[in-house]
Amino acid sequence: MFHKPFQRLKPENLIIIYKLLNDSLLLWLALFVFAMVAEGLIPGIVSQHLELYKIAFAMLINIVLIRKIREDAQIGNADILSKKIAWPLFFIFVLLLFNSMLKLDIYLSLFILAAISTTVYFIFKAFQEE
């Protein structure tokens, strides 16, 4: 029904475009994390100049293009989660979460942080099962 827009390109070009889109997704993700950290440290510094939904929308378009090119180039599913990037992202997530709870009691903050970390761990383990 729908034609494939990337079907006319050579497979080598599709793979290059696919890898470039993956690299650009990593850059968008890093920009988003740094913008969130800056917004957490000094509220209003990023939101006055750039809305975060624009970065998220650009990441969404990038992900859609990656999926479309993966289908057109028939690239197999590799291990999506890289341990090299997962742990720093988890650490940044924990810092942002703890930063959002600074006005709470310290023990309540640590309890909420432990509960969320445990939940994320078990969800991660559930998705890794076969």
Protein backbone atom coordinates (compact mmCIF):
# COMPACT_ATOMS: atom_id res chain seq x y z
CA MET A 1 0.00 0.00 0.00
CA PHE A 2 2.64 2.51 1.07
CA HIS A 3 5.87 2.70 -0.85
CA LYS A 4 9.12 2.60 1.02
CA PRO A 5 10.92 5.95 0.62
CA PHE A 6 14.39 4.56 1.39
CA GLN A 7 14.03 1.49 -0.84
CA ARG A 8 15.68 3.16 -3.84
CA LEU A 9 18.94 3.80 -1.99
CA LYS A 10 21.83 1.35 -2.06
CA PRO A 11 22.18 -0.89 1.01
CA GLU A 12 25.58 0.63 1.80
CA ASN A 13 24.06 4.12 1.87
CA LEU A 14 21.20 2.93 4.07
CA ILE A 15 23.64 1.50 6.59
CA ILE A 16 25.62 4.75 6.64
CA ILE A 17 22.43 6.78 7.14
CA TYR A 18 21.33 4.35 9.86
CA LYS A 19 24.61 4.71 11.75
CA LEU A 20 24.58 8.50 11.40
CA LEU A 21 21.03 8.63 12.75
CA ASN A 22 22.06 6.49 15.73
CA ASP A 23 24.96 8.84 16.44
CA SER A 24 22.71 11.88 16.14
CA LEU A 25 20.25 10.25 18.54
CA LEU A 26 23.06 9.88 21.06
CA LEU A 27 23.93 13.56 20.63
CA TRP A 28 20.27 14.60 21.06
CA LEU A 29 20.08 12.46 24.18
CA ALA A 30 23.24 14.06 25.60
CA LEU A 31 21.85 17.53 24.82
CA PHE A 32 18.59 16.64 26.52
CA VAL A 33 20.36 15.33 29.63
CA PHE A 34 22.59 18.40 29.88
CA ALA A 35 19.59 20.68 29.40
CA MET A 36 17.75 18.84 32.17
CA VAL A 37 20.77 19.09 34.47
CA ALA A 38 21.12 22.81 33.74
CA GLU A 39 17.40 23.31 34.34
CA GLY A 40 17.68 21.43 37.63
CA LEU A 41 20.64 23.44 38.83
CA ILE A 42 19.41 26.87 37.73
CA PRO A 43 15.66 26.79 37.06
CA GLY A 44 14.59 28.80 34.05
CA ILE A 45 17.97 28.99 32.32
CA VAL A 46 17.03 26.56 29.55
CA SER A 47 13.27 27.05 29.48
CA GLN A 48 13.64 30.77 28.72
CA HIS A 49 15.60 30.08 25.53
CA LEU A 50 14.61 26.61 24.38
CA GLU A 51 11.64 24.46 25.26
CA LEU A 52 12.55 20.89 26.16
CA TYR A 53 9.66 19.48 24.14
CA LYS A 54 11.47 20.60 20.96
CA ILE A 55 14.44 18.42 21.84
CA ALA A 56 12.13 15.53 22.71
CA PHE A 57 10.26 15.98 19.42
CA ALA A 58 13.55 15.94 17.47
CA MET A 59 14.51 12.73 19.29
CA LEU A 60 11.13 11.20 18.44
CA ILE A 61 11.55 12.01 14.74
CA ASN A 62 15.05 10.55 14.86
CA ILE A 63 13.77 7.32 16.43
CA VAL A 64 11.01 7.00 13.81
CA LEU A 65 13.56 7.45 11.01
CA ILE A 66 15.87 4.87 12.59
CA ARG A 67 13.05 2.33 12.79
CA LYS A 68 11.99 3.03 9.19
CA ILE A 69 15.51 2.65 7.83
CA ARG A 70 16.02 -0.51 9.90
CA GLU A 71 12.93 -2.01 8.26
CA ASP A 72 13.88 -0.89 4.74
CA ALA A 73 17.51 -2.01 5.02
CA GLN A 74 16.49 -5.22 6.81
CA ILE A 75 19.00 -4.64 9.56
CA GLY A 76 18.65 -7.23 12.29
CA ASN A 77 17.84 -6.35 15.87
CA ALA A 78 21.07 -6.07 17.79
CA ASP A 79 21.42 -5.73 21.52
CA ILE A 80 19.68 -2.39 21.97
CA LEU A 81 20.83 -1.66 25.51
CA SER A 82 24.50 -0.83 25.77
CA LYS A 83 25.91 -1.17 29.26
CA LYS A 84 28.37 1.62 28.54
CA ILE A 85 25.61 4.20 28.23
CA ALA A 86 23.04 2.65 30.56
CA TRP A 87 24.92 3.13 33.83
CA PRO A 88 25.80 6.83 33.31
CA LEU A 89 22.21 7.51 32.27
CA PHE A 90 20.95 5.71 35.35
CA PHE A 91 23.32 7.77 37.53
CA ILE A 92 22.09 11.02 35.95
CA PHE A 93 18.51 9.85 36.44
CA VAL A 94 19.18 9.22 40.13
CA LEU A 95 20.82 12.64 40.54
CA LEU A 96 17.90 14.41 38.86
CA LEU A 97 15.42 12.46 40.94
CA PHE A 98 17.25 13.25 44.17
CA ASN A 99 17.53 16.91 43.12
CA SER A 100 13.77 17.11 42.68
CA MET A 101 13.25 15.90 46.26
CA LEU A 102 15.61 18.31 48.03
CA LYS A 103 12.86 19.99 50.02
CA LEU A 104 11.67 16.66 51.47
CA ASP A 105 13.01 15.01 54.59
CA ILE A 106 16.32 13.27 53.82
CA TYR A 107 15.12 9.85 54.99
CA LEU A 108 11.93 10.08 52.94
CA SER A 109 13.99 11.09 49.90
CA LEU A 110 16.34 8.14 50.34
CA PHE A 111 13.40 5.77 50.82
CA ILE A 112 11.68 7.00 47.65
CA LEU A 113 14.96 6.79 45.76
CA ALA A 114 15.53 3.21 46.95
CA ALA A 115 11.97 2.21 46.08
CA ILE A 116 12.19 3.66 42.58
CA SER A 117 15.63 2.12 42.00
CA THR A 118 14.38 -1.30 43.11
CA THR A 119 11.33 -1.01 40.85
CA VAL A 120 13.46 -0.02 37.86
CA TYR A 121 15.83 -2.92 38.56
CA PHE A 122 13.02 -5.48 38.62
CA ILE A 123 11.40 -4.01 35.50
CA PHE A 124 14.77 -4.19 33.76
CA LYS A 125 15.17 -7.83 34.83
CA ALA A 126 11.64 -8.66 33.63
CA PHE A 127 12.37 -7.31 30.16
CA GLN A 128 15.70 -9.15 29.97
CA GLU A 129 14.08 -12.55 30.60
CA GLU A 130 13.39 -14.81 27.68
